C-alpha atoms as a PDB file:
ATOM      1  CA  MET A   1     -43.045  20.849  83.446  1.00  0.00           C
ATOM      2  CA  SER A   2     -43.353  17.118  82.825  1.00  0.00           C
ATOM      3  CA  GLN A   3     -42.437  14.754  85.646  1.00  0.00           C
ATOM      4  CA  GLN A   4     -39.336  13.755  82.896  1.00  0.00           C
ATOM      5  CA  ALA A   5     -38.165  17.309  83.466  1.00  0.00           C
ATOM      6  CA  PHE A   6     -38.451  17.537  87.346  1.00  0.00           C
ATOM      7  CA  ASP A   7     -36.762  14.344  87.202  1.00  0.00           C
ATOM      8  CA  LYS A   8     -33.895  15.620  85.372  1.00  0.00           C
ATOM      9  CA  ILE A   9     -33.633  18.614  87.326  1.00  0.00           C
ATOM     10  CA  TRP A  10     -33.364  16.508  90.527  1.00  0.00           C
ATOM     11  CA  GLN A  11     -30.408  14.374  88.676  1.00  0.00           C
ATOM     12  CA  MET A  12     -28.545  17.572  87.961  1.00  0.00           C
ATOM     13  CA  ILE A  13     -28.951  18.749  91.456  1.00  0.00           C
ATOM     14  CA  GLY A  14     -27.486  15.662  93.045  1.00  0.00           C
ATOM     15  CA  LEU A  15     -24.399  15.965  90.431  1.00  0.00           C
ATOM     16  CA  ARG A  16     -24.098  19.434  91.803  1.00  0.00           C
ATOM     17  CA  TYR A  17     -24.735  19.580  95.619  1.00  0.00           C
ATOM     18  CA  THR A  18     -24.708  17.047  98.360  1.00  0.00           C
ATOM     19  CA  SER A  19     -27.804  15.993  99.974  1.00  0.00           C
ATOM     20  CA  HIS A  20     -28.822  17.060 103.735  1.00  0.00           C
ATOM     21  CA  PRO A  21     -28.113  13.632 105.535  1.00  0.00           C
ATOM     22  CA  TRP A  22     -31.524  13.660 107.550  1.00  0.00           C
ATOM     23  CA  HIS A  23     -33.958  14.896 104.607  1.00  0.00           C
ATOM     24  CA  GLY A  24     -31.624  14.029 101.378  1.00  0.00           C
ATOM     25  CA  ILE A  25     -31.166  10.598 101.692  1.00  0.00           C
ATOM     26  CA  ASP A  26     -33.520   8.092 100.570  1.00  0.00           C
ATOM     27  CA  TYR A  27     -35.947   6.066 103.049  1.00  0.00           C
ATOM     28  CA  ASN A  28     -34.521   2.357 102.435  1.00  0.00           C
ATOM     29  CA  GLU A  29     -37.258   0.385 100.648  1.00  0.00           C
ATOM     30  CA  GLN A  30     -36.692  -2.759 102.286  1.00  0.00           C
ATOM     31  CA  ALA A  31     -37.274  -1.156 105.878  1.00  0.00           C
ATOM     32  CA  PRO A  32     -37.635  -1.509 108.699  1.00  0.00           C
ATOM     33  CA  GLU A  33     -36.165  -5.308 107.559  1.00  0.00           C
ATOM     34  CA  VAL A  34     -33.119  -3.406 106.441  1.00  0.00           C
ATOM     35  CA  VAL A  35     -32.162   0.184 107.074  1.00  0.00           C
ATOM     36  CA  THR A  36     -29.598   3.027 105.643  1.00  0.00           C
ATOM     37  CA  SER A  37     -28.371   4.707 108.557  1.00  0.00           C
ATOM     38  CA  PHE A  38     -26.062   8.061 108.727  1.00  0.00           C
ATOM     39  CA  ILE A  39     -23.210   7.370 110.991  1.00  0.00           C
ATOM     40  CA  GLU A  40     -22.284  10.048 113.460  1.00  0.00           C
ATOM     41  CA  VAL A  41     -19.879   8.744 115.453  1.00  0.00           C
ATOM     42  CA  ILE A  42     -17.217   5.936 115.801  1.00  0.00           C
ATOM     43  CA  PRO A  43     -15.898   4.400 119.214  1.00  0.00           C
ATOM     44  CA  SER A  44     -12.729   6.378 118.593  1.00  0.00           C
ATOM     45  CA  ASP A  45     -14.193   9.681 118.485  1.00  0.00           C
ATOM     46  CA  THR A  46     -13.092  11.547 121.471  1.00  0.00           C
ATOM     47  CA  VAL A  47     -15.992  14.116 121.266  1.00  0.00           C
ATOM     48  CA  LYS A  48     -19.533  13.744 120.122  1.00  0.00           C
ATOM     49  CA  TYR A  49     -20.148  14.690 116.668  1.00  0.00           C
ATOM     50  CA  GLU A  50     -23.800  15.459 115.770  1.00  0.00           C
ATOM     51  CA  ILE A  51     -25.373  16.790 112.663  1.00  0.00           C
ATOM     52  CA  ASP A  52     -26.350  20.667 112.145  1.00  0.00           C
ATOM     53  CA  LYS A  53     -30.228  20.029 111.609  1.00  0.00           C
ATOM     54  CA  LYS A  54     -30.167  23.288 109.714  1.00  0.00           C
ATOM     55  CA  SER A  55     -27.048  22.905 107.327  1.00  0.00           C
ATOM     56  CA  GLY A  56     -26.763  19.544 106.978  1.00  0.00           C
ATOM     57  CA  PHE A  57     -22.708  19.353 108.763  1.00  0.00           C
ATOM     58  CA  LEU A  58     -21.736  17.604 111.136  1.00  0.00           C
ATOM     59  CA  MET A  59     -20.725  19.614 114.449  1.00  0.00           C
ATOM     60  CA  ILE A  60     -19.511  19.126 117.400  1.00  0.00           C
ATOM     61  CA  ASP A  61     -21.283  18.681 120.469  1.00  0.00           C
ATOM     62  CA  ARG A  62     -19.470  18.114 123.122  1.00  0.00           C
ATOM     63  CA  PRO A  63     -16.640  16.110 124.124  1.00  0.00           C
ATOM     64  CA  GLN A  64     -16.928  12.672 125.619  1.00  0.00           C
ATOM     65  CA  LYS A  65     -17.562  12.353 129.320  1.00  0.00           C
ATOM     66  CA  PHE A  66     -14.737  10.705 131.320  1.00  0.00           C
ATOM     67  CA  SER A  67     -14.234   7.719 129.670  1.00  0.00           C
ATOM     68  CA  ASN A  68     -17.471   7.105 128.026  1.00  0.00           C
ATOM     69  CA  ILE A  69     -16.869   5.828 124.632  1.00  0.00           C
ATOM     70  CA  VAL A  70     -20.037   4.724 122.342  1.00  0.00           C
ATOM     71  CA  PRO A  71     -19.262   1.353 121.442  1.00  0.00           C
ATOM     72  CA  ALA A  72     -20.727   0.704 118.026  1.00  0.00           C
ATOM     73  CA  LEU A  73     -21.288   3.074 115.306  1.00  0.00           C
ATOM     74  CA  TYR A  74     -23.379   5.606 116.328  1.00  0.00           C
ATOM     75  CA  GLY A  75     -26.118   7.681 114.455  1.00  0.00           C
ATOM     76  CA  PHE A  76     -29.332   7.865 112.920  1.00  0.00           C
ATOM     77  CA  ILE A  77     -31.927   6.578 110.225  1.00  0.00           C
ATOM     78  CA  PRO A  78     -32.787   9.542 107.784  1.00  0.00           C
ATOM     79  CA  GLN A  79     -36.222  10.562 107.146  1.00  0.00           C
ATOM     80  CA  THR A  80     -37.529   9.562 110.898  1.00  0.00           C
ATOM     81  CA  TYR A  81     -38.546  11.743 113.184  1.00  0.00           C
ATOM     82  CA  CYS A  82     -39.535  10.835 116.894  1.00  0.00           C
ATOM     83  CA  ASN A  83     -42.833  12.736 117.712  1.00  0.00           C
ATOM     84  CA  SER A  84     -46.031  11.739 118.514  1.00  0.00           C
ATOM     85  CA  GLU A  85     -45.987   8.284 116.596  1.00  0.00           C
ATOM     86  CA  VAL A  86     -42.844   7.101 118.504  1.00  0.00           C
ATOM     87  CA  ALA A  87     -44.228   8.936 121.947  1.00  0.00           C
ATOM     88  CA  ALA A  88     -47.706   7.315 122.093  1.00  0.00           C
ATOM     89  CA  TYR A  89     -45.796   3.496 121.477  1.00  0.00           C
ATOM     90  CA  CYS A  90     -43.440   4.602 124.439  1.00  0.00           C
ATOM     91  CA  MET A  91     -46.829   5.430 126.434  1.00  0.00           C
ATOM     92  CA  GLU A  92     -48.509   2.282 125.701  1.00  0.00           C
ATOM     93  CA  LYS A  93     -45.862  -0.043 126.534  1.00  0.00           C
ATOM     94  CA  THR A  94     -44.519   1.783 129.609  1.00  0.00           C
ATOM     95  CA  GLY A  95     -48.240   2.602 130.848  1.00  0.00           C
ATOM     96  CA  ARG A  96     -47.115   6.096 131.135  1.00  0.00           C
ATOM     97  CA  THR A  97     -49.461   8.976 129.966  1.00  0.00           C
ATOM     98  CA  ASP A  98     -46.464  12.261 130.162  1.00  0.00           C
ATOM     99  CA  ILE A  99     -44.440  11.047 127.388  1.00  0.00           C
ATOM    100  CA  VAL A 100     -43.174  13.300 124.111  1.00  0.00           C
ATOM    101  CA  GLY A 101     -40.957  12.564 121.710  1.00  0.00           C
ATOM    102  CA  ASP A 102     -37.581  14.104 121.167  1.00  0.00           C
ATOM    103  CA  SER A 103     -38.184  16.035 118.011  1.00  0.00           C
ATOM    104  CA  ASP A 104     -34.613  13.953 116.554  1.00  0.00           C
ATOM    105  CA  PRO A 105     -34.597  11.457 113.977  1.00  0.00           C
ATOM    106  CA  LEU A 106     -34.442   8.321 115.305  1.00  0.00           C
ATOM    107  CA  ASP A 107     -30.745   6.929 116.764  1.00  0.00           C
ATOM    108  CA  ILE A 108     -29.122   3.838 115.511  1.00  0.00           C
ATOM    109  CA  CYS A 109     -26.209   2.078 116.786  1.00  0.00           C
ATOM    110  CA  VAL A 110     -24.649  -0.293 114.055  1.00  0.00           C
ATOM    111  CA  LEU A 111     -22.236  -3.573 115.350  1.00  0.00           C
ATOM    112  CA  THR A 112     -19.674  -4.685 112.905  1.00  0.00           C
ATOM    113  CA  GLU A 113     -16.377  -6.651 113.565  1.00  0.00           C
ATOM    114  CA  ARG A 114     -14.609  -4.456 110.736  1.00  0.00           C
ATOM    115  CA  GLU A 115     -12.938  -1.455 112.198  1.00  0.00           C
ATOM    116  CA  VAL A 116     -14.649   2.003 110.641  1.00  0.00           C
ATOM    117  CA  THR A 117     -11.921   4.676 110.559  1.00  0.00           C
ATOM    118  CA  HIS A 118     -14.700   7.850 110.662  1.00  0.00           C
ATOM    119  CA  GLY A 119     -17.782   8.576 110.537  1.00  0.00           C
ATOM    120  CA  ASN A 120     -20.153  10.951 107.931  1.00  0.00           C
ATOM    121  CA  ILE A 121     -21.056   7.514 105.852  1.00  0.00           C
ATOM    122  CA  ILE A 122     -23.913   6.071 104.801  1.00  0.00           C
ATOM    123  CA  VAL A 123     -24.346   2.210 106.087  1.00  0.00           C
ATOM    124  CA  ASN A 124     -27.167  -0.457 105.623  1.00  0.00           C
ATOM    125  CA  ALA A 125     -27.727  -1.555 108.854  1.00  0.00           C
ATOM    126  CA  VAL A 126     -30.181  -4.570 110.036  1.00  0.00           C
ATOM    127  CA  PRO A 127     -32.239  -3.771 113.074  1.00  0.00           C
ATOM    128  CA  ILE A 128     -32.282  -6.522 115.614  1.00  0.00           C
ATOM    129  CA  GLY A 129     -33.703  -5.076 118.478  1.00  0.00           C
ATOM    130  CA  GLY A 130     -33.836  -1.525 120.915  1.00  0.00           C
ATOM    131  CA  PHE A 131     -33.772   0.122 123.847  1.00  0.00           C
ATOM    132  CA  ARG A 132     -36.503   1.856 124.975  1.00  0.00           C
ATOM    133  CA  MET A 133     -34.824   4.965 126.716  1.00  0.00           C
ATOM    134  CA  ILE A 134     -36.574   7.668 128.377  1.00  0.00           C
ATOM    135  CA  ASP A 135     -34.463  11.455 128.561  1.00  0.00           C
ATOM    136  CA  GLY A 136     -36.245  13.726 130.315  1.00  0.00           C
ATOM    137  CA  GLY A 137     -39.324  12.552 129.372  1.00  0.00           C
ATOM    138  CA  GLU A 138     -38.826  12.324 126.259  1.00  0.00           C
ATOM    139  CA  ALA A 139     -39.300   9.241 124.142  1.00  0.00           C
ATOM    140  CA  ASP A 140     -35.487   8.515 122.826  1.00  0.00           C
ATOM    141  CA  ASP A 141     -35.349   4.876 121.272  1.00  0.00           C
ATOM    142  CA  LYS A 142     -31.942   3.533 120.679  1.00  0.00           C
ATOM    143  CA  ILE A 143     -32.404   0.931 117.607  1.00  0.00           C
ATOM    144  CA  ILE A 144     -29.456  -1.848 117.684  1.00  0.00           C
ATOM    145  CA  ALA A 145     -28.509  -3.225 114.541  1.00  0.00           C
ATOM    146  CA  VAL A 146     -26.080  -4.713 112.718  1.00  0.00           C
ATOM    147  CA  MET A 147     -23.688  -3.893 109.987  1.00  0.00           C
ATOM    148  CA  ALA A 148     -25.722  -5.746 106.515  1.00  0.00           C
ATOM    149  CA  LYS A 149     -23.577  -8.790 104.880  1.00  0.00           C
ATOM    150  CA  ASP A 150     -21.146  -8.480 108.038  1.00  0.00           C
ATOM    151  CA  GLU A 151     -19.645 -11.469 107.681  1.00  0.00           C
ATOM    152  CA  VAL A 152     -19.688 -12.331 111.638  1.00  0.00           C
ATOM    153  CA  TYR A 153     -22.158 -10.481 113.365  1.00  0.00           C
ATOM    154  CA  SER A 154     -24.999 -10.659 110.890  1.00  0.00           C
ATOM    155  CA  MET A 155     -25.707 -14.441 112.265  1.00  0.00           C
ATOM    156  CA  TRP A 156     -27.287 -12.424 115.077  1.00  0.00           C
ATOM    157  CA  GLN A 157     -30.982 -11.938 114.101  1.00  0.00           C
ATOM    158  CA  ASP A 158     -32.401 -11.059 117.433  1.00  0.00           C
ATOM    159  CA  ILE A 159     -31.156  -9.052 120.179  1.00  0.00           C
ATOM    160  CA  ASN A 160     -31.345 -12.160 122.286  1.00  0.00           C
ATOM    161  CA  ASP A 161     -28.554 -13.459 120.367  1.00  0.00           C
ATOM    162  CA  LEU A 162     -26.035 -10.367 121.503  1.00  0.00           C
ATOM    163  CA  PRO A 163     -23.242 -11.872 124.060  1.00  0.00           C
ATOM    164  CA  PRO A 164     -24.428 -10.141 127.324  1.00  0.00           C
ATOM    165  CA  THR A 165     -21.246  -8.017 127.940  1.00  0.00           C
ATOM    166  CA  LEU A 166     -22.057  -6.563 124.793  1.00  0.00           C
ATOM    167  CA  LEU A 167     -25.400  -5.873 125.652  1.00  0.00           C
ATOM    168  CA  ASN A 168     -24.489  -4.370 128.937  1.00  0.00           C
ATOM    169  CA  ARG A 169     -21.809  -2.211 127.726  1.00  0.00           C
ATOM    170  CA  LEU A 170     -24.204  -0.460 125.291  1.00  0.00           C
ATOM    171  CA  LYS A 171     -26.661  -0.151 127.795  1.00  0.00           C
ATOM    172  CA  HIS A 172     -24.059   1.489 130.436  1.00  0.00           C
ATOM    173  CA  TYR A 173     -22.880   3.785 127.732  1.00  0.00           C
ATOM    174  CA  PHE A 174     -26.513   5.155 127.118  1.00  0.00           C
ATOM    175  CA  LEU A 175     -27.188   5.569 130.626  1.00  0.00           C
ATOM    176  CA  THR A 176     -23.947   7.523 131.643  1.00  0.00           C
ATOM    177  CA  TYR A 177     -23.107   9.278 128.177  1.00  0.00           C
ATOM    178  CA  LYS A 178     -24.918  12.318 130.101  1.00  0.00           C
ATOM    179  CA  GLN A 179     -24.005  11.862 133.487  1.00  0.00           C
ATOM    180  CA  LEU A 180     -21.647  14.153 135.701  1.00  0.00           C
ATOM    181  CA  PRO A 181     -20.229  12.720 139.052  1.00  0.00           C
ATOM    182  CA  GLY A 182     -22.553  13.416 141.664  1.00  0.00           C
ATOM    183  CA  GLU A 183     -25.872  14.125 139.621  1.00  0.00           C
ATOM    184  CA  ALA A 184     -28.975  12.088 139.306  1.00  0.00           C
ATOM    185  CA  PRO A 185     -29.481   9.781 135.812  1.00  0.00           C
ATOM    186  CA  LYS A 186     -30.791  11.866 133.344  1.00  0.00           C
ATOM    187  CA  CYS A 187     -31.425   8.895 131.252  1.00  0.00           C
ATOM    188  CA  GLU A 188     -33.479   5.416 132.001  1.00  0.00           C
ATOM    189  CA  ILE A 189     -33.677   2.461 129.735  1.00  0.00           C
ATOM    190  CA  THR A 190     -37.459   0.940 130.888  1.00  0.00           C
ATOM    191  CA  HIS A 191     -37.268  -2.049 128.439  1.00  0.00           C
ATOM    192  CA  ILE A 192     -34.973  -3.815 126.102  1.00  0.00           C
ATOM    193  CA  TYR A 193     -36.865  -5.357 123.182  1.00  0.00           C
ATOM    194  CA  GLY A 194     -36.412  -7.050 120.068  1.00  0.00           C
ATOM    195  CA  ARG A 195     -36.379  -6.963 116.485  1.00  0.00           C
ATOM    196  CA  GLU A 196     -40.446  -6.879 115.725  1.00  0.00           C
ATOM    197  CA  GLU A 197     -40.952  -3.950 118.376  1.00  0.00           C
ATOM    198  CA  ALA A 198     -37.907  -2.248 116.819  1.00  0.00           C
ATOM    199  CA  TYR A 199     -39.715  -2.627 113.155  1.00  0.00           C
ATOM    200  CA  GLU A 200     -42.501  -0.892 115.259  1.00  0.00           C
ATOM    201  CA  VAL A 201     -40.603   1.951 116.403  1.00  0.00           C
ATOM    202  CA  ILE A 202     -38.980   2.250 112.485  1.00  0.00           C
ATOM    203  CA  ARG A 203     -42.488   2.825 111.034  1.00  0.00           C
ATOM    204  CA  ARG A 204     -43.929   4.903 113.634  1.00  0.00           C
ATOM    205  CA  SER A 205     -40.953   7.484 113.326  1.00  0.00           C
ATOM    206  CA  LYS A 206     -41.537   7.631 109.101  1.00  0.00           C
ATOM    207  CA  ALA A 207     -45.106   8.295 110.111  1.00  0.00           C
ATOM    208  CA  ASP A 208     -43.644  11.184 112.313  1.00  0.00           C
ATOM    209  CA  TYR A 209     -41.535  12.462 109.676  1.00  0.00           C
ATOM    210  CA  ASP A 210     -43.822  12.256 107.115  1.00  0.00           C
ATOM    211  CA  LYS A 211     -46.446  14.095 109.084  1.00  0.00           C
ATOM    212  CA  VAL A 212     -44.088  17.188 110.019  1.00  0.00           C
ATOM    213  CA  TYR A 213     -42.395  16.590 106.576  1.00  0.00           C
ATOM    214  CA  GLY A 214     -44.407  15.233 103.966  1.00  0.00           C
ATOM    215  CA  ASN A 215     -42.964  15.005 100.612  1.00  0.00           C
ATOM    216  CA  LEU A 216     -39.902  17.332 100.803  1.00  0.00           C
ATOM    217  CA  GLU A 217     -38.957  16.623  96.941  1.00  0.00           C
ATOM    218  CA  GLU A 218     -42.656  17.463  95.733  1.00  0.00           C
ATOM    219  CA  ALA A 219     -42.484  20.420  97.718  1.00  0.00           C
ATOM    220  CA  LEU A 220     -39.503  21.229  96.096  1.00  0.00           C
ATOM    221  CA  SER A 221     -40.426  20.389  92.843  1.00  0.00           C
ATOM    222  CA  LEU A 222     -43.785  22.595  92.954  1.00  0.00           C
ATOM    223  CA  THR A 223     -41.324  25.660  93.963  1.00  0.00           C
ATOM    224  CA  LEU A 224     -39.472  24.992  91.176  1.00  0.00           C
ATOM    225  CA  PHE A 225     -42.338  24.539  88.946  1.00  0.00           C
ATOM    226  CA  GLU A 226     -43.352  28.025  90.565  1.00  0.00           C
ATOM    227  CA  ALA A 227     -39.995  29.589  89.609  1.00  0.00           C
ATOM    228  CA  PHE A 228     -40.158  28.265  86.106  1.00  0.00           C
ATOM    229  CA  ASN A 229     -43.415  29.525  85.481  1.00  0.00           C
ATOM    230  CA  PHE A 230     -42.723  33.318  87.123  1.00  0.00           C
ATOM    231  CA  SER A 231     -39.418  32.917  84.808  1.00  0.00           C
ATOM    232  CA  GLN A 232     -41.086  32.539  81.644  1.00  0.00           C
ATOM    233  CA  ARG A 233     -44.027  35.372  82.529  1.00  0.00           C
ATOM    234  CA  GLN A 234     -40.623  37.975  83.094  1.00  0.00           C
ATOM    235  CA  GLN A 235     -39.645  36.579  80.097  1.00  0.00           C
ATOM    236  CA  GLU A 236     -42.625  37.646  78.165  1.00  0.00           C
ATOM    237  CA  LEU A 237     -43.185  40.917  79.905  1.00  0.00           C
ATOM    238  CA  LEU A 238     -39.915  41.750  78.718  1.00  0.00           C
ATOM    239  CA  LYS A 239     -40.987  41.054  75.079  1.00  0.00           C
ATOM    240  CA  THR A 240     -43.715  43.549  75.562  1.00  0.00           C
ATOM    241  CA  LEU A 241     -41.247  46.298  76.768  1.00  0.00           C
END
């Protein structure tokens, strides 16, 4: 089967089926300077939505604890994965030797002055920095970005440009969003880093994804090719009966 035929099949599949938010949405060709983000949660949500990795549908992970409200659009960067490369970078920067990746796509907070009324959407975002967060010994970086072409927030080009009150609000949310009264803190933020380190985390998360999942479209194309050949052999066999 020719590449043109494969392209036609994928075009038809795209017309018929919704893509999986993690694996089926393209990694932005402008990354890491501009990234595609899939938004799961918005500030007005009283429950934390999260992608079900198997089906790709949004599911309710848990109610937001107490008065914790995510102060930005929150989701992940498709076709990224936090594994050995991300963990190695975290250990390099922290001097620790016992960090592993959290085996999730890379999280991202997207700031915008516009009201967004629901999640389950795709947003182009410009990374300006991030939090080096460790959750139970797992690297759980949070990329901080602004919505691409935002008329107000696009002036912020590095995390140092953020107002301290907004930065503290973001930091407080992630340090407390899993914590119950009387419990010891589960999460820690070891560093607040700027744009260039955010780029490196994004690149490494893409490398981790490619190592684990490879080119899924190519693998599926080969499967379709095998199925096509099998179907042809069946037809030829039926003609001999």
